[in-house]
N, C-alpha and C. Protein backbone atom coordinates (compact mmCIF):
# COMPACT_ATOMS: atom_id res chain seq x y z
N UNK A 1 11.16 -6.98 20.60
CA UNK A 1 11.89 -7.62 19.52
C UNK A 1 11.82 -9.14 19.74
N UNK A 2 11.59 -9.86 18.65
CA UNK A 2 11.46 -11.31 18.73
C UNK A 2 12.83 -11.97 18.87
N UNK A 3 12.87 -13.00 19.67
CA UNK A 3 14.09 -13.76 19.87
C UNK A 3 14.23 -14.80 18.77
N UNK A 4 15.38 -14.82 18.09
CA UNK A 4 15.61 -15.76 16.99
C UNK A 4 16.37 -16.96 17.53
N UNK A 5 15.81 -18.16 17.34
CA UNK A 5 16.51 -19.35 17.83
C UNK A 5 17.79 -19.61 17.04
N UNK A 6 18.69 -20.34 17.64
CA UNK A 6 19.98 -20.63 17.01
C UNK A 6 19.85 -21.48 15.76
N UNK A 7 19.01 -22.49 15.80
CA UNK A 7 18.84 -23.37 14.65
C UNK A 7 17.39 -23.32 14.20
N UNK A 8 17.19 -22.91 12.96
CA UNK A 8 15.85 -22.85 12.39
C UNK A 8 15.72 -23.98 11.39
N UNK A 9 14.69 -24.77 11.57
CA UNK A 9 14.44 -25.89 10.68
C UNK A 9 13.68 -25.37 9.45
N UNK A 10 14.27 -25.47 8.26
CA UNK A 10 13.59 -24.98 7.05
C UNK A 10 12.26 -25.68 6.79
N UNK A 11 12.16 -26.93 7.16
CA UNK A 11 10.90 -27.67 6.97
C UNK A 11 9.79 -27.10 7.84
N UNK A 12 10.15 -26.63 9.02
CA UNK A 12 9.15 -26.03 9.91
C UNK A 12 8.65 -24.71 9.34
N UNK A 13 9.54 -23.93 8.77
CA UNK A 13 9.14 -22.68 8.12
C UNK A 13 8.22 -22.98 6.95
N UNK A 14 8.57 -23.97 6.17
CA UNK A 14 7.75 -24.37 5.03
C UNK A 14 6.36 -24.80 5.47
N UNK A 15 6.28 -25.57 6.55
CA UNK A 15 4.98 -26.04 7.05
C UNK A 15 4.12 -24.88 7.52
N UNK A 16 4.73 -23.93 8.21
CA UNK A 16 3.98 -22.78 8.71
C UNK A 16 3.47 -21.92 7.55
N UNK A 17 4.33 -21.67 6.57
CA UNK A 17 3.91 -20.87 5.42
C UNK A 17 2.81 -21.56 4.62
N UNK A 18 2.92 -22.88 4.46
CA UNK A 18 1.87 -23.61 3.75
C UNK A 18 0.57 -23.66 4.53
N UNK A 19 0.68 -23.58 5.84
CA UNK A 19 -0.54 -23.53 6.65
C UNK A 19 -1.20 -22.16 6.53
N UNK A 20 -0.38 -21.11 6.49
CA UNK A 20 -0.91 -19.75 6.35
C UNK A 20 -1.52 -19.53 4.97
N UNK A 21 -0.83 -20.01 3.94
CA UNK A 21 -1.26 -19.82 2.56
C UNK A 21 -1.34 -21.19 1.89
N UNK A 22 -2.39 -21.92 2.17
CA UNK A 22 -2.51 -23.27 1.63
C UNK A 22 -2.74 -23.19 0.12
N UNK A 23 -2.25 -24.19 -0.62
CA UNK A 23 -2.45 -24.20 -2.07
C UNK A 23 -3.93 -24.15 -2.47
N UNK A 24 -4.78 -24.81 -1.71
CA UNK A 24 -6.21 -24.80 -2.01
C UNK A 24 -6.77 -23.39 -1.88
N UNK A 25 -6.40 -22.70 -0.81
CA UNK A 25 -6.87 -21.33 -0.59
C UNK A 25 -6.35 -20.39 -1.68
N UNK A 26 -5.08 -20.55 -2.05
CA UNK A 26 -4.51 -19.70 -3.10
C UNK A 26 -5.25 -19.91 -4.43
N UNK A 27 -5.52 -21.15 -4.78
CA UNK A 27 -6.23 -21.44 -6.05
C UNK A 27 -7.66 -20.89 -6.01
N UNK A 28 -8.35 -21.08 -4.89
CA UNK A 28 -9.72 -20.56 -4.75
C UNK A 28 -9.74 -19.04 -4.84
N UNK A 29 -8.82 -18.39 -4.16
CA UNK A 29 -8.75 -16.94 -4.17
C UNK A 29 -8.40 -16.41 -5.55
N UNK A 30 -7.48 -17.08 -6.24
CA UNK A 30 -7.12 -16.67 -7.59
C UNK A 30 -8.32 -16.77 -8.52
N UNK A 31 -9.13 -17.78 -8.36
CA UNK A 31 -10.33 -17.92 -9.20
C UNK A 31 -11.37 -16.84 -8.86
N UNK A 32 -11.52 -16.53 -7.56
CA UNK A 32 -12.50 -15.53 -7.13
C UNK A 32 -12.16 -14.14 -7.65
N UNK A 33 -10.89 -13.77 -7.62
CA UNK A 33 -10.50 -12.41 -8.03
C UNK A 33 -10.30 -12.29 -9.53
N UNK A 34 -10.40 -13.39 -10.27
CA UNK A 34 -10.30 -13.34 -11.71
C UNK A 34 -8.92 -13.53 -12.28
N UNK A 35 -7.96 -13.93 -11.45
CA UNK A 35 -6.60 -14.19 -11.95
C UNK A 35 -6.61 -15.40 -12.87
N UNK A 36 -7.36 -16.41 -12.51
CA UNK A 36 -7.41 -17.65 -13.30
C UNK A 36 -8.69 -17.66 -14.11
N UNK A 37 -8.53 -17.71 -15.41
CA UNK A 37 -9.69 -17.89 -16.28
C UNK A 37 -9.72 -19.33 -16.79
N UNK A 38 -8.54 -19.88 -17.07
CA UNK A 38 -8.39 -21.27 -17.47
C UNK A 38 -7.11 -21.80 -16.81
N UNK A 39 -7.12 -23.04 -16.37
CA UNK A 39 -5.91 -23.64 -15.80
C UNK A 39 -5.05 -24.15 -16.94
N UNK A 40 -3.99 -23.44 -17.20
CA UNK A 40 -3.11 -23.85 -18.29
C UNK A 40 -1.67 -23.87 -17.83
N UNK A 41 -0.91 -22.84 -18.21
CA UNK A 41 0.54 -22.88 -18.02
C UNK A 41 1.01 -22.35 -16.66
N UNK A 42 0.41 -21.30 -16.17
CA UNK A 42 0.91 -20.67 -14.94
C UNK A 42 0.03 -21.06 -13.77
N UNK A 43 0.61 -21.80 -12.85
CA UNK A 43 -0.10 -22.21 -11.64
C UNK A 43 -0.13 -21.03 -10.67
N UNK A 44 -1.29 -20.65 -10.15
CA UNK A 44 -1.35 -19.51 -9.23
C UNK A 44 -0.53 -19.70 -7.96
N UNK A 45 -0.40 -20.94 -7.50
CA UNK A 45 0.39 -21.21 -6.29
C UNK A 45 1.87 -20.94 -6.56
N UNK A 46 2.36 -21.44 -7.66
CA UNK A 46 3.77 -21.22 -8.03
C UNK A 46 4.02 -19.74 -8.26
N UNK A 47 3.12 -19.07 -8.95
CA UNK A 47 3.26 -17.65 -9.20
C UNK A 47 3.32 -16.86 -7.89
N UNK A 48 2.45 -17.20 -6.95
CA UNK A 48 2.43 -16.52 -5.65
C UNK A 48 3.77 -16.66 -4.93
N UNK A 49 4.29 -17.90 -4.84
CA UNK A 49 5.53 -18.10 -4.09
C UNK A 49 6.73 -17.48 -4.79
N UNK A 50 6.76 -17.49 -6.11
CA UNK A 50 7.86 -16.83 -6.83
C UNK A 50 7.80 -15.34 -6.58
N UNK A 51 6.62 -14.77 -6.60
CA UNK A 51 6.47 -13.34 -6.35
C UNK A 51 6.85 -12.98 -4.93
N UNK A 52 6.38 -13.74 -3.97
CA UNK A 52 6.64 -13.44 -2.55
C UNK A 52 8.11 -13.65 -2.19
N UNK A 53 8.67 -14.78 -2.58
CA UNK A 53 10.04 -15.11 -2.16
C UNK A 53 11.10 -14.51 -3.07
N UNK A 54 10.73 -14.01 -4.22
CA UNK A 54 11.70 -13.47 -5.16
C UNK A 54 12.14 -12.06 -4.88
N UNK A 55 11.43 -11.32 -4.01
CA UNK A 55 11.77 -9.92 -3.78
C UNK A 55 13.12 -9.73 -3.11
N UNK A 56 13.52 -10.60 -2.21
CA UNK A 56 14.76 -10.43 -1.47
C UNK A 56 16.01 -10.81 -2.26
N UNK A 57 15.84 -11.47 -3.38
CA UNK A 57 16.99 -11.99 -4.12
C UNK A 57 17.80 -10.88 -4.76
N UNK A 58 17.15 -9.87 -5.28
CA UNK A 58 17.85 -8.81 -6.00
C UNK A 58 18.63 -7.85 -5.12
N UNK A 59 18.49 -7.96 -3.82
CA UNK A 59 19.16 -7.04 -2.92
C UNK A 59 20.65 -7.32 -2.79
N UNK A 60 21.07 -8.55 -2.98
CA UNK A 60 22.47 -8.91 -2.84
C UNK A 60 23.11 -9.01 -4.21
N UNK A 61 24.22 -8.34 -4.38
CA UNK A 61 24.94 -8.38 -5.63
C UNK A 61 26.21 -9.21 -5.46
N UNK A 62 26.55 -9.97 -6.48
CA UNK A 62 27.77 -10.77 -6.40
C UNK A 62 28.79 -10.26 -7.39
């Protein structure tokens, strides 16, 4: 089991995630698989992060 540090810097998490899934790589991959036909309204990078980070939001009810 991984040890979780007491203080996690959100900027460090952001840097690691952007290094793993760089915007350039996401755009290139989206073009290769046919997601992007024309660059217009929906940015593939924004779509990716909304899809990835949005799954945990619905689990908590207020």
